[in-house]
Protein backbone atom coordinates (compact mmCIF):
# COMPACT_ATOMS: atom_id res chain seq x y z
CA UNK A 1 33.54 -1.72 -30.87
CA UNK A 2 35.52 -4.80 -31.88
CA UNK A 3 33.73 -8.10 -32.37
CA UNK A 4 35.19 -9.91 -29.36
CA UNK A 5 34.44 -7.17 -26.76
CA UNK A 6 30.98 -6.78 -28.25
CA UNK A 7 30.31 -10.49 -27.86
CA UNK A 8 31.74 -10.43 -24.35
CA UNK A 9 29.09 -7.88 -23.44
CA UNK A 10 26.31 -9.99 -24.95
CA UNK A 11 27.63 -13.07 -23.17
CA UNK A 12 27.59 -11.22 -19.84
CA UNK A 13 24.01 -10.05 -20.43
CA UNK A 14 22.95 -13.58 -21.35
CA UNK A 15 24.61 -15.07 -18.28
CA UNK A 16 22.88 -12.53 -16.03
CA UNK A 17 19.53 -13.30 -17.61
CA UNK A 18 20.03 -17.01 -17.04
CA UNK A 19 21.31 -16.57 -13.48
CA UNK A 20 20.84 -13.05 -12.07
CA UNK A 21 23.50 -11.58 -9.79
CA UNK A 22 22.20 -12.24 -6.23
CA UNK A 23 23.08 -8.87 -4.72
CA UNK A 24 20.68 -6.43 -3.03
CA UNK A 25 22.98 -3.52 -3.87
CA UNK A 26 23.03 -4.48 -7.55
CA UNK A 27 19.38 -5.49 -7.77
CA UNK A 28 18.29 -2.58 -9.97
CA UNK A 29 20.98 -2.89 -12.69
CA UNK A 30 20.71 -6.67 -12.48
CA UNK A 31 16.95 -6.44 -13.03
CA UNK A 32 17.12 -3.97 -15.90
CA UNK A 33 19.78 -5.95 -17.74
CA UNK A 34 18.07 -9.28 -17.12
CA UNK A 35 14.61 -7.97 -18.02
CA UNK A 36 15.64 -6.48 -21.36
CA UNK A 37 17.79 -9.47 -22.30
CA UNK A 38 15.10 -12.00 -21.41
CA UNK A 39 12.18 -10.27 -23.12
CA UNK A 40 14.20 -9.20 -26.17
CA UNK A 41 16.04 -12.53 -26.44
CA UNK A 42 14.76 -13.31 -29.97
CA UNK A 43 15.98 -9.95 -31.24
CA UNK A 44 19.32 -10.26 -29.46
CA UNK A 45 19.71 -13.81 -30.75
CA UNK A 46 19.18 -12.67 -34.34
CA UNK A 47 21.73 -9.87 -33.90
CA UNK A 48 24.26 -12.25 -32.38
CA UNK A 49 23.94 -14.77 -35.20
CA UNK A 50 24.18 -12.01 -37.83
CA UNK A 51 27.21 -10.51 -36.11
CA UNK A 52 28.95 -13.90 -35.98
CA UNK A 53 28.15 -14.58 -39.63
CA UNK A 54 29.67 -11.26 -40.59
CA UNK A 55 32.78 -12.00 -38.55
CA UNK A 56 33.20 -15.31 -40.37
CA UNK A 57 33.59 -13.44 -43.66
CA UNK A 58 36.72 -11.70 -42.40
CA UNK A 59 40.17 -13.06 -43.35
CA UNK A 60 41.09 -13.70 -39.70
CA UNK A 61 37.93 -14.05 -37.61
CA UNK A 62 38.25 -13.81 -33.85
CA UNK A 63 38.11 -17.27 -32.34
CA UNK A 64 37.49 -15.83 -28.90
CA UNK A 65 34.64 -13.70 -30.20
CA UNK A 66 33.12 -16.60 -32.12
CA UNK A 67 33.33 -18.78 -29.03
CA UNK A 68 31.55 -16.14 -27.00
CA UNK A 69 28.94 -15.78 -29.73
CA UNK A 70 28.37 -19.52 -29.74
CA UNK A 71 27.84 -19.50 -25.98
CA UNK A 72 25.46 -16.54 -26.20
CA UNK A 73 23.54 -18.21 -29.02
CA UNK A 74 23.03 -21.31 -26.90
CA UNK A 75 22.00 -19.26 -23.87
CA UNK A 76 19.64 -17.00 -25.79
CA UNK A 77 18.05 -19.99 -27.51
CA UNK A 78 17.40 -21.49 -24.07
CA UNK A 79 15.83 -18.20 -22.92
CA UNK A 80 13.53 -18.09 -25.96
CA UNK A 81 12.46 -21.69 -25.33
CA UNK A 82 11.84 -20.91 -21.68
CA UNK A 83 9.74 -17.89 -22.65
CA UNK A 84 7.59 -20.08 -24.88
CA UNK A 85 7.03 -22.50 -22.00
CA UNK A 86 5.28 -19.71 -20.08
CA UNK A 87 2.11 -20.79 -21.88
CA UNK A 88 2.16 -24.14 -20.11
CA UNK A 89 2.69 -22.57 -16.69
CA UNK A 90 -0.16 -20.11 -17.22
CA UNK A 91 -2.48 -22.82 -18.55
CA UNK A 92 -1.78 -25.08 -15.58
CA UNK A 93 -2.30 -22.21 -13.15
CA UNK A 94 -5.69 -21.42 -14.67
CA UNK A 95 -6.71 -25.08 -14.68
CA UNK A 96 -5.77 -25.36 -11.02
CA UNK A 97 -7.46 -22.13 -9.95
CA UNK A 98 -10.54 -22.07 -12.19
CA UNK A 99 -11.04 -25.73 -13.01
CA UNK A 100 -9.80 -27.83 -15.89
CA UNK A 101 -13.02 -27.15 -17.80
CA UNK A 102 -12.74 -23.35 -17.74
CA UNK A 103 -11.81 -23.16 -21.43
CA UNK A 104 -14.88 -25.19 -22.40
CA UNK A 105 -17.06 -22.92 -20.29
CA UNK A 106 -15.59 -19.88 -21.99
CA UNK A 107 -16.09 -21.35 -25.44
CA UNK A 108 -19.75 -21.98 -24.64
CA UNK A 109 -20.37 -18.30 -23.87
CA UNK A 110 -18.08 -16.34 -26.15
CA UNK A 111 -17.55 -16.05 -29.88
CA UNK A 112 -14.42 -17.16 -31.67
CA UNK A 113 -13.55 -13.48 -32.09
CA UNK A 114 -13.80 -12.88 -28.35
CA UNK A 115 -11.55 -15.84 -27.64
CA UNK A 116 -9.00 -15.02 -30.34
CA UNK A 117 -6.11 -14.57 -27.95
CA UNK A 118 -3.36 -14.36 -30.53
CA UNK A 119 -0.83 -11.54 -30.29
CA UNK A 120 -0.06 -10.06 -33.73
CA UNK A 121 3.43 -10.95 -34.92
CA UNK A 122 3.95 -7.26 -35.65
CA UNK A 123 3.82 -6.55 -31.93
CA UNK A 124 6.44 -9.18 -31.18
CA UNK A 125 8.67 -7.97 -34.01
CA UNK A 126 8.31 -4.31 -33.01
CA UNK A 127 7.77 -4.51 -29.25
CA UNK A 128 8.06 -0.79 -28.58
CA UNK A 129 5.31 0.16 -31.00
CA UNK A 130 2.34 0.06 -28.63
CA UNK A 131 -0.91 0.75 -30.42
CA UNK A 132 -3.93 -1.10 -31.76
CA UNK A 133 -6.19 -0.09 -34.63
CA UNK A 134 -9.32 -1.31 -32.82
CA UNK A 135 -8.68 0.71 -29.65
CA UNK A 136 -9.39 4.37 -28.95
CA UNK A 137 -7.49 6.11 -26.14
CA UNK A 138 -9.00 9.10 -24.36
CA UNK A 139 -6.07 10.75 -22.63
CA UNK A 140 -5.58 12.95 -19.59
CA UNK A 141 -9.04 12.86 -18.07
CA UNK A 142 -9.01 14.48 -14.59
CA UNK A 143 -10.21 12.31 -11.71
CA UNK A 144 -8.61 14.25 -8.83
CA UNK A 145 -7.29 17.78 -8.38
CA UNK A 146 -3.58 16.91 -8.30
CA UNK A 147 -2.59 18.24 -11.70
CA UNK A 148 -0.75 15.61 -13.77
CA UNK A 149 -0.86 13.08 -10.93
CA UNK A 150 -4.66 13.26 -10.92
CA UNK A 151 -5.14 12.28 -14.57
CA UNK A 152 -6.22 9.02 -16.15
CA UNK A 153 -6.45 7.50 -19.63
CA UNK A 154 -9.38 5.47 -20.92
CA UNK A 155 -8.81 2.65 -23.41
CA UNK A 156 -12.00 1.52 -25.09
CA UNK A 157 -13.11 -0.24 -28.28
CA UNK A 158 -13.06 2.09 -31.26
CA UNK A 159 -16.39 0.59 -32.34
CA UNK A 160 -18.09 -0.09 -28.99
CA UNK A 161 -20.93 -2.52 -28.59
CA UNK A 162 -23.54 -2.23 -25.84
CA UNK A 163 -22.62 0.28 -23.16
CA UNK A 164 -22.04 -2.25 -20.42
CA UNK A 165 -18.38 -3.20 -20.80
CA UNK A 166 -16.58 -4.54 -17.74
CA UNK A 167 -13.71 -2.36 -16.49
CA UNK A 168 -10.03 -3.09 -15.91
CA UNK A 169 -8.17 -0.54 -13.76
CA UNK A 170 -4.40 -0.41 -14.37
CA UNK A 171 -2.07 0.94 -11.64
CA UNK A 172 1.50 1.63 -12.75
CA UNK A 173 4.56 0.69 -10.75
CA UNK A 174 7.78 2.56 -10.09
CA UNK A 175 8.64 2.09 -6.41
CA UNK A 176 5.80 4.44 -5.39
CA UNK A 177 8.18 7.22 -6.51
CA UNK A 178 8.26 7.34 -10.31
CA UNK A 179 6.22 6.10 -13.23
CA UNK A 180 3.41 7.18 -15.48
CA UNK A 181 0.12 5.79 -16.73
CA UNK A 182 1.41 5.69 -20.32
CA UNK A 183 4.38 3.42 -19.65
CA UNK A 184 3.05 0.19 -18.12
CA UNK A 185 0.31 -2.34 -18.66
CA UNK A 186 -0.22 -1.23 -22.26
CA UNK A 187 -0.14 -4.69 -23.93
CA UNK A 188 -2.81 -6.00 -21.56
CA UNK A 189 -5.03 -2.92 -21.89
CA UNK A 190 -4.82 -2.89 -25.68
CA UNK A 191 -5.66 -6.58 -25.75
CA UNK A 192 -8.66 -6.25 -23.42
CA UNK A 193 -10.00 -3.05 -24.97
CA UNK A 194 -9.83 -4.60 -28.44
CA UNK A 195 -12.03 -7.39 -27.07
CA UNK A 196 -14.73 -5.19 -25.61
CA UNK A 197 -13.46 -4.10 -22.20
CA UNK A 198 -12.96 -0.54 -20.99
CA UNK A 199 -9.54 -0.06 -19.40
CA UNK A 200 -8.53 2.84 -17.17
CA UNK A 201 -4.88 3.69 -16.49
CA UNK A 202 -4.18 6.17 -13.72
CA UNK A 203 -1.47 8.42 -12.44
CA UNK A 204 -1.34 8.88 -8.68
CA UNK A 205 0.60 10.96 -6.16
CA UNK A 206 4.18 9.86 -5.60
CA UNK A 207 6.70 9.69 -2.79
CA UNK A 208 8.65 11.29 -1.24
CA UNK A 209 6.39 14.28 -1.80
CA UNK A 210 3.48 12.24 -0.51
CA UNK A 211 3.63 9.45 2.05
CA UNK A 212 1.66 6.24 1.90
CA UNK A 213 -1.33 5.80 1.99
CA UNK A 214 -1.81 8.76 -0.40
CA UNK A 215 -1.10 6.38 -3.31
CA UNK A 216 -3.83 3.98 -2.21
CA UNK A 217 -6.28 6.81 -1.58
CA UNK A 218 -5.80 7.84 -5.21
CA UNK A 219 -6.52 4.32 -6.44
CA UNK A 220 -9.74 4.43 -4.44
CA UNK A 221 -10.55 7.86 -5.92
CA UNK A 222 -10.13 6.37 -9.37
CA UNK A 223 -12.57 3.59 -8.48
CA UNK A 224 -15.01 6.24 -7.31
CA UNK A 225 -14.54 8.07 -10.62
CA UNK A 226 -15.28 4.86 -12.54
CA UNK A 227 -18.43 4.28 -10.50
CA UNK A 228 -19.68 7.77 -11.37
CA UNK A 229 -18.33 8.42 -14.85
CA UNK A 230 -17.74 4.97 -16.32
CA UNK A 231 -21.08 4.80 -18.18
CA UNK A 232 -20.09 7.90 -20.17
CA UNK A 233 -17.27 5.82 -21.67
CA UNK A 234 -19.34 2.72 -22.35
CA UNK A 235 -18.44 0.97 -19.08
CA UNK A 236 -20.46 -0.99 -16.59
CA UNK A 237 -19.15 0.46 -13.32
CA UNK A 238 -20.57 -2.40 -11.26
CA UNK A 239 -17.76 -4.72 -12.43
CA UNK A 240 -14.26 -3.37 -11.91
CA UNK A 241 -11.13 -5.50 -11.88
CA UNK A 242 -7.70 -4.15 -10.96
CA UNK A 243 -4.20 -4.94 -12.15
CA UNK A 244 -0.74 -3.45 -11.82
CA UNK A 245 2.92 -4.35 -11.53
CA UNK A 246 5.46 -3.99 -8.73
CA UNK A 247 4.33 -1.03 -6.58
CA UNK A 248 1.23 -1.04 -8.77
CA UNK A 249 0.75 -4.70 -7.88
CA UNK A 250 0.97 -3.75 -4.21
CA UNK A 251 -1.61 -0.99 -4.63
CA UNK A 252 -3.88 -3.25 -6.70
CA UNK A 253 -3.78 -5.94 -4.02
CA UNK A 254 -4.34 -3.42 -1.22
CA UNK A 255 -7.31 -1.88 -3.03
CA UNK A 256 -8.83 -5.33 -3.55
CA UNK A 257 -8.35 -6.30 0.11
CA UNK A 258 -9.60 -3.07 1.72
CA UNK A 259 -12.99 -2.30 0.12
CA UNK A 260 -14.86 0.64 1.63
CA UNK A 261 -12.24 1.19 4.33
CA UNK A 262 -12.89 4.80 5.45
CA UNK A 263 -9.23 5.32 6.32
CA UNK A 264 -8.42 5.17 2.61
CA UNK A 265 -11.50 7.11 1.43
CA UNK A 266 -11.27 10.53 3.09
CA UNK A 267 -14.17 12.66 1.92
CA UNK A 268 -15.77 9.90 -0.14
CA UNK A 269 -16.42 7.30 2.52
CA UNK A 270 -19.87 6.47 1.14
CA UNK A 271 -18.59 5.33 -2.28
CA UNK A 272 -18.52 1.58 -2.88
CA UNK A 273 -14.90 0.75 -3.74
CA UNK A 274 -15.37 -3.02 -3.82
CA UNK A 275 -13.44 -4.68 -6.63
CA UNK A 276 -14.64 -7.78 -8.43
CA UNK A 277 -11.23 -9.25 -9.37
CA UNK A 278 -7.50 -8.57 -9.02
CA UNK A 279 -4.53 -9.57 -11.18
CA UNK A 280 -1.35 -8.15 -9.61
CA UNK A 281 1.95 -8.79 -11.39
CA UNK A 282 5.26 -9.10 -9.50
CA UNK A 283 3.75 -7.15 -6.63
CA UNK A 284 5.26 -6.16 -3.30
CA UNK A 285 3.12 -7.97 -0.74
CA UNK A 286 5.29 -7.64 2.36
CA UNK A 287 6.17 -4.13 3.55
CA UNK A 288 6.61 -5.21 7.16
CA UNK A 289 9.31 -7.85 6.79
CA UNK A 290 6.82 -10.56 7.76
CA UNK A 291 8.34 -13.03 5.29
CA UNK A 292 11.51 -12.97 7.37
CA UNK A 293 13.85 -12.57 4.42
CA UNK A 294 16.84 -10.26 4.38
CA UNK A 295 15.67 -8.51 1.20
CA UNK A 296 12.27 -7.71 2.67
CA UNK A 297 13.86 -6.30 5.81
CA UNK A 298 16.32 -4.18 3.83
CA UNK A 299 13.54 -2.89 1.57
CA UNK A 300 11.54 -1.91 4.64
CA UNK A 301 14.41 -0.30 6.54
CA UNK A 302 16.35 1.37 3.74
CA UNK A 303 13.63 2.43 1.32
CA UNK A 304 10.02 2.01 2.43
CA UNK A 305 10.51 3.53 5.85
CA UNK A 306 12.39 6.71 4.97
CA UNK A 307 10.91 7.35 1.52
CA UNK A 308 7.44 5.82 1.11
CA UNK A 309 5.75 5.46 4.51
CA UNK A 310 8.08 8.06 6.05
CA UNK A 311 7.96 6.26 9.37
CA UNK A 312 10.45 4.30 11.45
CA UNK A 313 9.50 0.59 11.32
CA UNK A 314 11.00 0.06 14.76
CA UNK A 315 8.76 2.70 16.31
CA UNK A 316 5.60 2.23 14.23
CA UNK A 317 5.59 -1.38 12.99
CA UNK A 318 1.80 -1.42 12.79
CA UNK A 319 1.89 1.10 9.91
CA UNK A 320 3.99 -1.31 7.83
CA UNK A 321 1.77 -4.23 8.78
CA UNK A 322 -1.37 -2.35 7.72
CA UNK A 323 0.30 -1.53 4.38
CA UNK A 324 1.18 -5.18 3.64
CA UNK A 325 -1.27 -7.15 1.48
CA UNK A 326 0.20 -10.34 2.95
CA UNK A 327 -1.18 -9.32 6.34
CA UNK A 328 -4.50 -7.96 5.03
CA UNK A 329 -5.78 -11.16 3.37
CA UNK A 330 -9.32 -12.00 4.45
CA UNK A 331 -12.23 -14.26 3.59
CA UNK A 332 -13.91 -11.56 1.51
CA UNK A 333 -11.01 -11.14 -0.92
CA UNK A 334 -12.14 -11.13 -4.57
CA UNK A 335 -10.79 -13.65 -7.10
CA UNK A 336 -7.04 -13.20 -7.55
CA UNK A 337 -4.61 -14.05 -10.35
CA UNK A 338 -1.08 -13.55 -9.00
CA UNK A 339 1.81 -13.61 -11.48
CA UNK A 340 5.46 -13.55 -10.45
CA UNK A 341 8.83 -14.36 -11.98
CA UNK A 342 11.17 -16.80 -10.28
CA UNK A 343 14.20 -14.67 -11.29
CA UNK A 344 12.75 -11.40 -9.96
CA UNK A 345 15.70 -9.42 -8.60
CA UNK A 346 13.66 -6.62 -7.03
CA UNK A 347 10.80 -8.46 -5.35
CA UNK A 348 11.73 -11.99 -4.42
CA UNK A 349 9.27 -14.68 -5.35
CA UNK A 350 8.91 -15.70 -1.69
CA UNK A 351 6.54 -12.77 -1.20
CA UNK A 352 4.19 -14.00 -3.93
CA UNK A 353 4.30 -17.58 -2.66
CA UNK A 354 3.37 -16.57 0.90
CA UNK A 355 0.69 -14.16 -0.32
CA UNK A 356 -0.92 -16.88 -2.44
CA UNK A 357 -0.70 -19.34 0.43
CA UNK A 358 -2.58 -16.88 2.66
CA UNK A 359 -5.20 -16.25 -0.05
CA UNK A 360 -5.78 -19.96 -0.56
CA UNK A 361 -6.10 -20.49 3.18
CA UNK A 362 -8.52 -17.64 3.89
CA UNK A 363 -10.30 -16.47 0.74
CA UNK A 364 -13.58 -17.97 -0.42
CA UNK A 365 -12.89 -17.02 -4.05
CA UNK A 366 -10.68 -18.61 -6.73
CA UNK A 367 -6.94 -18.01 -6.47
CA UNK A 368 -4.76 -18.50 -9.54
CA UNK A 369 -0.98 -18.40 -9.23
CA UNK A 370 1.45 -18.49 -12.13
CA UNK A 371 5.11 -18.60 -11.12
CA UNK A 372 7.24 -18.24 -14.24
CA UNK A 373 10.76 -19.71 -14.32
CA UNK A 374 13.52 -17.56 -15.79
CA UNK A 375 11.35 -14.45 -15.52
CA UNK A 376 12.48 -11.05 -14.26
CA UNK A 377 10.61 -8.09 -12.86
CA UNK A 378 8.63 -5.93 -15.33
CA UNK A 379 8.42 -8.70 -17.93
CA UNK A 380 5.08 -7.41 -19.25
CA UNK A 381 5.96 -3.79 -20.04
CA UNK A 382 6.11 -4.44 -23.78
CA UNK A 383 4.94 -7.34 -25.98
CA UNK A 384 7.20 -10.37 -25.83
CA UNK A 385 6.74 -14.12 -26.16
CA UNK A 386 6.35 -14.45 -22.40
CA UNK A 387 4.15 -11.41 -21.84
CA UNK A 388 1.85 -12.46 -24.69
CA UNK A 389 1.11 -15.74 -22.92
CA UNK A 390 0.46 -13.92 -19.65
CA UNK A 391 -1.86 -11.43 -21.35
CA UNK A 392 -3.86 -14.32 -22.80
CA UNK A 393 -4.04 -15.93 -19.38
CA UNK A 394 -5.24 -12.76 -17.68
CA UNK A 395 -7.87 -12.41 -20.41
CA UNK A 396 -9.21 -15.91 -19.67
CA UNK A 397 -9.14 -15.27 -15.92
CA UNK A 398 -11.00 -11.96 -16.13
CA UNK A 399 -13.51 -13.28 -18.62
CA UNK A 400 -14.19 -16.35 -16.45
CA UNK A 401 -14.64 -14.26 -13.31
CA UNK A 402 -16.91 -11.84 -15.15
CA UNK A 403 -19.05 -14.71 -16.47
CA UNK A 404 -19.46 -16.08 -12.96
CA UNK A 405 -20.32 -12.62 -11.65
CA UNK A 406 -22.93 -12.16 -14.38
CA UNK A 407 -24.52 -15.49 -13.42
CA UNK A 408 -24.64 -14.43 -9.77
CA UNK A 409 -26.21 -11.09 -10.74
CA UNK A 410 -28.76 -12.77 -13.00
CA UNK A 411 -27.33 -11.17 -16.12
CA UNK A 412 -26.98 -12.96 -19.42
CA UNK A 413 -23.81 -12.46 -21.44
């Protein structure tokens, strides 16, 4: 490809990352392009500068191409700077939700090693190499009799300490229709497992083969599995937090808001499925169109109804209301850390704002909300500048909630 057309493509990607195309019909390609460009901006910036430098060595460099490269360089530099500012937004969110002294309280109870929240530069330089020398992964453990969809992976410290590690349950996204436990949430799980937690990533049944609430039932089955089998993997099954992105964020929020609901625990109604914390990322909180936005209504009518719930929202609106975390918020909700990107093309940020507003109005527990400017859907799938700051923030949130829980249980940490 010639230099100028190549730079035109990069310029278009950069422009979309800075200001996503506001079209429902184009939301998926807009998201994918914006997500990759935003989170890989340092790599794309380096390639753009190198490409322009090479062009300058030619006898007759393309002025148009160099102009485009200059514009892309400026735009990508702005994206990198914006990614770095995520730290400030996460810090302020934690100060607001947990108290400005939460870092001092953490430092008083944890070692410097525990609180070493740095992300290795190797991970940022090679974002698709997802591993950690201090973490052991036990793969494909059955928790339900659904074949592949009933398997989970356990991430745990390679050299475990006492067998009472708190648990983080990861629920993948993928529009309730696709996705796999090995493809999402890995940076967070590696980070937490390396610092003493046991993390569990699950597959679950998918639509359209299965209709909601089968997905949520499977999340509850996984919690039941952790309660029974967690100690065999070094876990303390009495403290389980949940996280997930997109559809996984929806399922994480629903699981946290519906503890011990027999409708979602067929055959294991007596198992305690209470969760101690939730950290959903870019979740879908409105399946009923309660936010009143056009996107939410179109998602409900054109996708959720025919494919996921397999019901007509005009005839059975109560099914969509019951499936909406926004409408299930209650005083007994556990501590929440909600993270959402302001540029999310798939799930508009309005859903997160209204969900957090409801939590803060009704819940008795801390609510942390980090809204990240310039951030697309799925920003945390691989290590990036932005996702590293979010991972550190989730670490502090979970550790703070666990410390408080230990105090309430009379346990020293």
